[in-house]
N, C-alpha and C. Protein backbone atom coordinates (compact mmCIF):
# COMPACT_ATOMS: atom_id res chain seq x y z
N MET A 1 -33.44 -26.05 13.65
CA MET A 1 -32.17 -26.64 14.02
C MET A 1 -31.29 -26.84 12.78
N LEU A 2 -31.88 -27.34 11.70
CA LEU A 2 -31.14 -27.57 10.46
C LEU A 2 -30.67 -26.24 9.87
N LYS A 3 -31.53 -25.22 9.95
CA LYS A 3 -31.18 -23.91 9.42
C LYS A 3 -29.98 -23.33 10.18
N LYS A 4 -29.97 -23.48 11.50
CA LYS A 4 -28.88 -22.98 12.33
C LYS A 4 -27.58 -23.70 12.00
N THR A 5 -27.63 -25.01 11.79
CA THR A 5 -26.44 -25.80 11.45
C THR A 5 -25.89 -25.37 10.09
N VAL A 6 -26.77 -25.17 9.13
CA VAL A 6 -26.34 -24.76 7.78
C VAL A 6 -25.70 -23.38 7.83
N LEU A 7 -26.32 -22.44 8.53
CA LEU A 7 -25.76 -21.09 8.63
C LEU A 7 -24.42 -21.08 9.36
N THR A 8 -24.31 -21.87 10.41
CA THR A 8 -23.04 -21.97 11.14
C THR A 8 -21.96 -22.57 10.25
N SER A 9 -22.31 -23.59 9.49
CA SER A 9 -21.35 -24.21 8.57
C SER A 9 -20.90 -23.24 7.50
N LEU A 10 -21.82 -22.47 6.94
CA LEU A 10 -21.47 -21.48 5.93
C LEU A 10 -20.57 -20.39 6.50
N ALA A 11 -20.88 -19.94 7.72
CA ALA A 11 -20.05 -18.92 8.36
C ALA A 11 -18.64 -19.45 8.60
N LEU A 12 -18.54 -20.69 9.07
CA LEU A 12 -17.23 -21.31 9.30
C LEU A 12 -16.47 -21.46 7.99
N LEU A 13 -17.16 -21.87 6.95
CA LEU A 13 -16.54 -22.02 5.64
C LEU A 13 -16.02 -20.69 5.12
N LEU A 14 -16.78 -19.63 5.30
CA LEU A 14 -16.38 -18.30 4.88
C LEU A 14 -15.14 -17.83 5.64
N VAL A 15 -15.14 -18.01 6.95
CA VAL A 15 -13.99 -17.60 7.77
C VAL A 15 -12.75 -18.38 7.38
N LEU A 16 -12.87 -19.69 7.22
CA LEU A 16 -11.71 -20.50 6.82
C LEU A 16 -11.22 -20.13 5.43
N GLY A 17 -12.15 -19.86 4.53
CA GLY A 17 -11.76 -19.45 3.18
C GLY A 17 -10.96 -18.16 3.18
N LEU A 18 -11.40 -17.19 3.96
CA LEU A 18 -10.67 -15.93 4.06
C LEU A 18 -9.32 -16.13 4.72
N ALA A 19 -9.25 -16.98 5.73
CA ALA A 19 -7.99 -17.23 6.43
C ALA A 19 -6.98 -17.88 5.49
N PHE A 20 -7.40 -18.86 4.72
CA PHE A 20 -6.46 -19.55 3.84
C PHE A 20 -6.06 -18.70 2.64
N GLN A 21 -6.85 -17.72 2.28
CA GLN A 21 -6.46 -16.83 1.20
C GLN A 21 -5.37 -15.87 1.65
N THR A 22 -5.34 -15.48 2.90
CA THR A 22 -4.35 -14.52 3.35
C THR A 22 -3.05 -15.16 3.80
N ILE A 23 -3.03 -16.45 4.05
CA ILE A 23 -1.81 -17.09 4.53
C ILE A 23 -0.65 -16.96 3.54
N PRO A 24 -0.83 -17.24 2.24
CA PRO A 24 0.31 -17.09 1.34
C PRO A 24 0.83 -15.67 1.27
N VAL A 25 -0.05 -14.68 1.36
CA VAL A 25 0.39 -13.30 1.32
C VAL A 25 1.20 -12.97 2.57
N ARG A 26 0.77 -13.44 3.71
CA ARG A 26 1.53 -13.18 4.94
C ARG A 26 2.84 -13.96 4.97
N ALA A 27 2.89 -15.11 4.31
CA ALA A 27 4.12 -15.90 4.31
C ALA A 27 5.22 -15.20 3.53
N LEU A 28 4.86 -14.39 2.55
CA LEU A 28 5.85 -13.65 1.79
C LEU A 28 6.05 -12.30 2.46
N LYS A 29 7.13 -12.16 3.22
CA LYS A 29 7.30 -10.92 3.96
C LYS A 29 7.70 -9.76 3.06
N GLU A 30 8.30 -10.05 1.91
CA GLU A 30 8.66 -8.99 0.99
C GLU A 30 7.48 -8.69 0.08
N ASP A 31 7.49 -7.54 -0.54
CA ASP A 31 6.40 -7.16 -1.44
C ASP A 31 6.66 -7.76 -2.81
N LEU A 32 5.94 -8.80 -3.14
CA LEU A 32 6.05 -9.44 -4.44
C LEU A 32 4.76 -9.27 -5.20
N PRO A 33 4.86 -9.07 -6.52
CA PRO A 33 3.63 -9.01 -7.30
C PRO A 33 2.92 -10.35 -7.28
N ILE A 34 1.61 -10.33 -7.51
CA ILE A 34 0.84 -11.56 -7.51
C ILE A 34 1.30 -12.48 -8.63
N SER A 35 1.77 -11.91 -9.74
CA SER A 35 2.20 -12.72 -10.88
C SER A 35 3.63 -13.23 -10.75
N ALA A 36 4.28 -13.08 -9.59
CA ALA A 36 5.66 -13.52 -9.41
C ALA A 36 5.76 -15.03 -9.55
N THR A 37 6.82 -15.47 -10.24
CA THR A 37 7.06 -16.90 -10.42
C THR A 37 8.53 -17.19 -10.17
N PRO A 38 8.85 -18.38 -9.64
CA PRO A 38 10.24 -18.71 -9.36
C PRO A 38 11.05 -18.86 -10.65
N VAL A 39 12.34 -18.56 -10.56
CA VAL A 39 13.26 -18.80 -11.66
C VAL A 39 14.27 -19.84 -11.22
N ILE A 40 14.99 -20.41 -12.19
CA ILE A 40 16.04 -21.37 -11.88
C ILE A 40 17.37 -20.64 -12.00
N LEU A 41 18.08 -20.49 -10.89
CA LEU A 41 19.36 -19.78 -10.88
C LEU A 41 20.48 -20.77 -11.19
N HIS A 42 21.34 -20.41 -12.15
CA HIS A 42 22.45 -21.28 -12.52
C HIS A 42 23.76 -20.85 -11.88
N LYS A 43 24.08 -19.55 -12.03
CA LYS A 43 25.40 -19.11 -11.62
C LYS A 43 25.36 -17.64 -11.22
N ALA A 44 26.17 -17.30 -10.22
CA ALA A 44 26.38 -15.90 -9.83
C ALA A 44 27.88 -15.71 -9.66
N ILE A 45 28.44 -14.75 -10.38
CA ILE A 45 29.89 -14.54 -10.39
C ILE A 45 30.16 -13.09 -10.00
N LEU A 46 31.16 -12.89 -9.12
CA LEU A 46 31.59 -11.55 -8.75
C LEU A 46 32.48 -11.02 -9.87
N LEU A 47 32.14 -9.86 -10.41
CA LEU A 47 32.93 -9.22 -11.46
C LEU A 47 33.97 -8.31 -10.84
N ARG A 48 34.98 -7.96 -11.58
CA ARG A 48 36.01 -7.05 -11.09
C ARG A 48 35.46 -5.64 -10.98
N GLY A 49 36.09 -4.86 -10.10
CA GLY A 49 35.72 -3.46 -9.99
C GLY A 49 34.98 -3.15 -8.71
N PHE A 50 34.70 -1.85 -8.56
CA PHE A 50 33.98 -1.38 -7.39
C PHE A 50 32.95 -0.38 -7.85
N PRO A 51 31.75 -0.38 -7.37
CA PRO A 51 31.15 -1.24 -6.35
C PRO A 51 30.99 -2.67 -6.86
N PRO A 52 30.77 -3.61 -5.94
CA PRO A 52 30.66 -5.02 -6.33
C PRO A 52 29.51 -5.25 -7.32
N ASN A 53 29.83 -5.86 -8.45
CA ASN A 53 28.85 -6.24 -9.47
C ASN A 53 28.85 -7.75 -9.60
N PHE A 54 27.68 -8.33 -9.80
CA PHE A 54 27.54 -9.78 -9.93
C PHE A 54 26.85 -10.10 -11.24
N LEU A 55 27.41 -11.06 -11.98
CA LEU A 55 26.78 -11.56 -13.19
C LEU A 55 25.94 -12.77 -12.80
N VAL A 56 24.63 -12.69 -13.01
CA VAL A 56 23.71 -13.75 -12.60
C VAL A 56 23.07 -14.34 -13.86
N THR A 57 23.10 -15.69 -13.95
CA THR A 57 22.48 -16.37 -15.09
C THR A 57 21.49 -17.40 -14.58
N GLY A 58 20.51 -17.71 -15.41
CA GLY A 58 19.51 -18.71 -15.04
C GLY A 58 18.49 -18.90 -16.14
N ILE A 59 17.39 -19.54 -15.79
CA ILE A 59 16.33 -19.84 -16.75
C ILE A 59 15.00 -19.37 -16.20
N MET A 60 14.25 -18.67 -17.05
CA MET A 60 12.87 -18.34 -16.73
C MET A 60 12.03 -19.57 -17.09
N PRO A 61 11.12 -20.00 -16.23
CA PRO A 61 10.38 -21.24 -16.47
C PRO A 61 9.45 -21.20 -17.68
N ALA A 62 9.02 -20.04 -18.06
CA ALA A 62 8.15 -19.91 -19.23
C ALA A 62 8.46 -18.60 -19.92
N GLY A 63 8.14 -18.54 -21.18
CA GLY A 63 8.44 -17.34 -21.95
C GLY A 63 7.49 -16.19 -21.70
N CYS A 64 6.55 -16.36 -20.79
CA CYS A 64 5.55 -15.31 -20.51
C CYS A 64 5.96 -14.41 -19.35
N TYR A 65 7.21 -14.48 -18.94
CA TYR A 65 7.66 -13.71 -17.79
C TYR A 65 8.90 -12.91 -18.13
N LYS A 66 9.09 -11.80 -17.43
CA LYS A 66 10.32 -11.05 -17.55
C LYS A 66 10.99 -11.01 -16.18
N LEU A 67 12.28 -10.80 -16.17
CA LEU A 67 13.08 -10.89 -14.95
C LEU A 67 12.87 -9.67 -14.06
N ARG A 68 12.82 -9.91 -12.76
CA ARG A 68 12.75 -8.85 -11.76
C ARG A 68 13.75 -9.20 -10.66
N VAL A 69 14.54 -8.20 -10.24
CA VAL A 69 15.51 -8.38 -9.16
C VAL A 69 15.17 -7.37 -8.07
N ASN A 70 14.88 -7.85 -6.86
CA ASN A 70 14.58 -6.96 -5.74
C ASN A 70 15.87 -6.29 -5.25
N PRO A 71 15.76 -5.12 -4.64
CA PRO A 71 16.95 -4.48 -4.06
C PRO A 71 17.56 -5.37 -2.97
N PRO A 72 18.89 -5.28 -2.79
CA PRO A 72 19.55 -6.10 -1.77
C PRO A 72 19.04 -5.80 -0.36
N GLU A 73 18.94 -6.86 0.46
CA GLU A 73 18.54 -6.74 1.86
C GLU A 73 19.72 -7.18 2.73
N VAL A 74 20.19 -6.30 3.59
CA VAL A 74 21.34 -6.61 4.45
C VAL A 74 20.84 -7.28 5.71
N GLY A 75 21.44 -8.45 6.03
CA GLY A 75 21.09 -9.19 7.24
C GLY A 75 22.03 -8.85 8.39
N ARG A 76 21.91 -9.62 9.46
CA ARG A 76 22.78 -9.41 10.63
C ARG A 76 24.09 -10.18 10.46
N GLN A 77 25.17 -9.59 10.93
CA GLN A 77 26.48 -10.21 10.83
C GLN A 77 26.55 -11.47 11.68
N ASN A 78 27.16 -12.52 11.13
CA ASN A 78 27.38 -13.76 11.86
C ASN A 78 28.56 -13.54 12.80
N PRO A 79 28.37 -13.64 14.14
CA PRO A 79 29.47 -13.37 15.07
C PRO A 79 30.60 -14.38 14.97
N ASN A 80 30.33 -15.58 14.49
CA ASN A 80 31.38 -16.61 14.40
C ASN A 80 32.30 -16.41 13.21
N THR A 81 31.77 -15.90 12.11
CA THR A 81 32.57 -15.77 10.89
C THR A 81 32.83 -14.32 10.49
N SER A 82 32.20 -13.36 11.13
CA SER A 82 32.29 -11.94 10.79
C SER A 82 31.85 -11.66 9.36
N ILE A 83 30.94 -12.47 8.84
CA ILE A 83 30.43 -12.27 7.48
C ILE A 83 28.98 -11.79 7.57
N THR A 84 28.68 -10.73 6.84
CA THR A 84 27.32 -10.18 6.81
C THR A 84 26.61 -10.66 5.55
N PRO A 85 25.43 -11.28 5.68
CA PRO A 85 24.71 -11.74 4.49
C PRO A 85 23.91 -10.60 3.84
N ILE A 86 23.89 -10.62 2.53
CA ILE A 86 23.07 -9.70 1.74
C ILE A 86 22.21 -10.57 0.84
N THR A 87 20.89 -10.51 0.99
CA THR A 87 19.98 -11.35 0.21
C THR A 87 19.43 -10.57 -0.98
N ILE A 88 19.50 -11.18 -2.15
CA ILE A 88 18.99 -10.57 -3.38
C ILE A 88 18.01 -11.55 -4.01
N ARG A 89 16.73 -11.19 -4.07
CA ARG A 89 15.70 -12.08 -4.62
C ARG A 89 15.54 -11.86 -6.12
N VAL A 90 15.54 -12.98 -6.84
CA VAL A 90 15.41 -12.96 -8.30
C VAL A 90 14.18 -13.77 -8.66
N PHE A 91 13.27 -13.19 -9.45
CA PHE A 91 12.04 -13.89 -9.82
C PHE A 91 11.52 -13.34 -11.13
N GLY A 92 10.49 -13.96 -11.66
CA GLY A 92 9.87 -13.50 -12.89
C GLY A 92 8.52 -12.88 -12.61
N ILE A 93 8.13 -11.92 -13.44
CA ILE A 93 6.79 -11.34 -13.35
C ILE A 93 6.14 -11.44 -14.73
N GLN A 94 4.82 -11.40 -14.74
CA GLN A 94 4.06 -11.57 -15.99
C GLN A 94 4.45 -10.51 -17.01
N SER A 95 4.65 -10.94 -18.24
CA SER A 95 5.03 -10.05 -19.34
C SER A 95 3.86 -9.89 -20.31
N ASN A 96 3.92 -8.84 -21.11
CA ASN A 96 2.88 -8.63 -22.12
C ASN A 96 3.02 -9.57 -23.30
N THR A 97 4.26 -9.95 -23.61
CA THR A 97 4.50 -10.86 -24.73
C THR A 97 4.73 -12.26 -24.20
N CYS A 98 4.52 -13.25 -25.05
CA CYS A 98 4.60 -14.63 -24.59
C CYS A 98 5.24 -15.52 -25.66
N THR A 99 6.15 -16.38 -25.24
CA THR A 99 6.69 -17.42 -26.11
C THR A 99 6.42 -18.76 -25.45
N SER A 100 6.53 -19.83 -26.20
CA SER A 100 6.11 -21.13 -25.66
C SER A 100 7.20 -21.89 -24.94
N ARG A 101 8.42 -21.41 -24.95
CA ARG A 101 9.49 -22.17 -24.31
C ARG A 101 10.23 -21.33 -23.27
N PRO A 102 10.87 -22.00 -22.33
CA PRO A 102 11.67 -21.27 -21.33
C PRO A 102 12.83 -20.54 -22.02
N HIS A 103 13.29 -19.47 -21.43
CA HIS A 103 14.42 -18.76 -22.01
C HIS A 103 15.45 -18.41 -20.94
N LEU A 104 16.70 -18.32 -21.39
CA LEU A 104 17.81 -17.98 -20.50
C LEU A 104 17.77 -16.50 -20.17
N PHE A 105 18.31 -16.16 -19.00
CA PHE A 105 18.48 -14.74 -18.69
C PHE A 105 19.88 -14.52 -18.16
N ILE A 106 20.40 -13.35 -18.44
CA ILE A 106 21.69 -12.90 -17.92
C ILE A 106 21.48 -11.47 -17.45
N THR A 107 21.87 -11.18 -16.22
CA THR A 107 21.71 -9.83 -15.69
C THR A 107 22.89 -9.49 -14.80
N ILE A 108 23.13 -8.21 -14.63
CA ILE A 108 24.18 -7.75 -13.72
C ILE A 108 23.51 -7.03 -12.56
N VAL A 109 23.87 -7.43 -11.35
CA VAL A 109 23.31 -6.85 -10.13
C VAL A 109 24.42 -6.12 -9.40
N THR A 110 24.18 -4.87 -9.02
CA THR A 110 25.16 -4.07 -8.30
C THR A 110 24.75 -3.95 -6.84
N VAL A 111 25.72 -4.15 -5.95
CA VAL A 111 25.51 -3.94 -4.51
C VAL A 111 26.26 -2.65 -4.17
N ASP A 112 25.52 -1.58 -3.96
CA ASP A 112 26.12 -0.27 -3.70
C ASP A 112 26.35 -0.11 -2.20
N PRO A 113 27.63 -0.13 -1.75
CA PRO A 113 27.92 -0.03 -0.31
C PRO A 113 27.46 1.30 0.30
N ILE A 114 27.42 2.36 -0.49
CA ILE A 114 27.01 3.65 0.05
C ILE A 114 25.50 3.66 0.32
N LYS A 115 24.71 3.18 -0.65
CA LYS A 115 23.25 3.12 -0.45
C LYS A 115 22.87 2.19 0.69
N LEU A 116 23.60 1.07 0.82
CA LEU A 116 23.28 0.09 1.86
C LEU A 116 23.98 0.38 3.18
N ASN A 117 24.80 1.45 3.21
CA ASN A 117 25.52 1.84 4.42
C ASN A 117 26.40 0.70 4.94
N LEU A 118 27.18 0.10 4.03
CA LEU A 118 28.06 -1.01 4.39
C LEU A 118 29.44 -0.48 4.74
N SER A 119 30.00 -0.97 5.83
CA SER A 119 31.35 -0.60 6.20
C SER A 119 32.32 -1.64 5.64
N ALA A 120 33.61 -1.39 5.83
CA ALA A 120 34.61 -2.35 5.36
C ALA A 120 34.41 -3.68 6.08
N GLY A 121 34.56 -4.77 5.35
CA GLY A 121 34.39 -6.09 5.96
C GLY A 121 34.07 -7.15 4.93
N ARG A 122 33.76 -8.34 5.43
CA ARG A 122 33.45 -9.48 4.56
C ARG A 122 31.94 -9.65 4.46
N TYR A 123 31.49 -9.95 3.25
CA TYR A 123 30.06 -10.09 2.98
C TYR A 123 29.81 -11.32 2.11
N VAL A 124 28.59 -11.82 2.16
CA VAL A 124 28.16 -12.87 1.25
C VAL A 124 26.85 -12.40 0.61
N ALA A 125 26.86 -12.35 -0.73
CA ALA A 125 25.63 -12.02 -1.47
C ALA A 125 24.94 -13.34 -1.77
N ARG A 126 23.69 -13.47 -1.32
CA ARG A 126 22.92 -14.70 -1.55
C ARG A 126 21.82 -14.41 -2.56
N PHE A 127 21.96 -14.99 -3.73
CA PHE A 127 20.94 -14.83 -4.76
C PHE A 127 19.95 -15.97 -4.60
N VAL A 128 18.69 -15.65 -4.38
CA VAL A 128 17.67 -16.68 -4.15
C VAL A 128 16.45 -16.40 -5.02
N SER A 129 15.78 -17.48 -5.40
CA SER A 129 14.50 -17.35 -6.08
C SER A 129 13.43 -17.20 -5.00
N ILE A 130 12.18 -16.96 -5.38
CA ILE A 130 11.16 -16.72 -4.37
C ILE A 130 10.79 -17.97 -3.60
N GLN A 131 11.20 -19.15 -4.11
CA GLN A 131 10.94 -20.38 -3.36
C GLN A 131 12.05 -20.66 -2.35
N ARG A 132 13.10 -19.85 -2.37
CA ARG A 132 14.24 -19.99 -1.47
C ARG A 132 14.99 -21.30 -1.68
N LYS A 133 14.88 -21.88 -2.86
CA LYS A 133 15.64 -23.09 -3.17
C LYS A 133 16.82 -22.69 -4.05
N GLY A 134 17.92 -23.40 -3.91
CA GLY A 134 19.06 -23.17 -4.78
C GLY A 134 19.73 -21.83 -4.57
N ARG A 135 20.03 -21.50 -3.34
CA ARG A 135 20.74 -20.24 -3.08
C ARG A 135 22.11 -20.28 -3.74
N LEU A 136 22.50 -19.14 -4.30
CA LEU A 136 23.83 -19.01 -4.88
C LEU A 136 24.61 -18.00 -4.05
N PRO A 137 25.49 -18.47 -3.15
CA PRO A 137 26.26 -17.53 -2.33
C PRO A 137 27.53 -17.08 -3.06
N VAL A 138 27.84 -15.79 -2.97
CA VAL A 138 29.07 -15.24 -3.53
C VAL A 138 29.70 -14.38 -2.44
N PHE A 139 30.93 -14.72 -2.05
CA PHE A 139 31.63 -14.00 -0.99
C PHE A 139 32.43 -12.85 -1.60
N PHE A 140 32.44 -11.71 -0.90
CA PHE A 140 33.25 -10.58 -1.35
C PHE A 140 33.64 -9.74 -0.14
N THR A 141 34.64 -8.87 -0.35
CA THR A 141 35.17 -8.03 0.72
C THR A 141 35.12 -6.57 0.29
N ILE A 142 34.72 -5.71 1.20
CA ILE A 142 34.82 -4.27 0.97
C ILE A 142 36.04 -3.81 1.76
N PRO A 143 37.07 -3.31 1.05
CA PRO A 143 38.32 -2.95 1.73
C PRO A 143 38.18 -1.66 2.55
N HIS A 144 39.12 -1.46 3.47
CA HIS A 144 39.17 -0.25 4.29
C HIS A 144 39.59 0.93 3.42
N GLY A 145 39.20 2.11 3.81
CA GLY A 145 39.64 3.32 3.14
C GLY A 145 38.76 3.77 2.00
N LEU A 146 37.63 3.11 1.78
CA LEU A 146 36.74 3.52 0.70
C LEU A 146 35.58 4.35 1.20
N ASP A 147 35.45 4.53 2.53
CA ASP A 147 34.31 5.28 3.04
C ASP A 147 34.56 6.74 3.08
């Protein structure tokens, strides 16, 4: 009886352990490296010109990471405002070199309307870290006649 209880407990522990290991991976629907770490986003500014370019600044939490920006993801248009969201994830990945203090980053992100198959209209680029805290929305318009 004791042997059966111990084996059942071990089997349950194994199943629960495997289940809890896969939950964080399933929670991240995008493909992120295991070494991904959140960054602190300070500012996102729309630059002049076409295609839309954004200057993004922030802080990497530790000097052991380098910046990674995922390709833009186009969401569904909001029927009330006619604005289509574009989500751009910004995070850090493990680097080969390491410093002991956080460091600032500045990067330019381009949203290519041709690659994303965007038509003329109003859009909002949402720059988010992998924790989805501190979204930086930037509104922009793609004018008619550029397709």
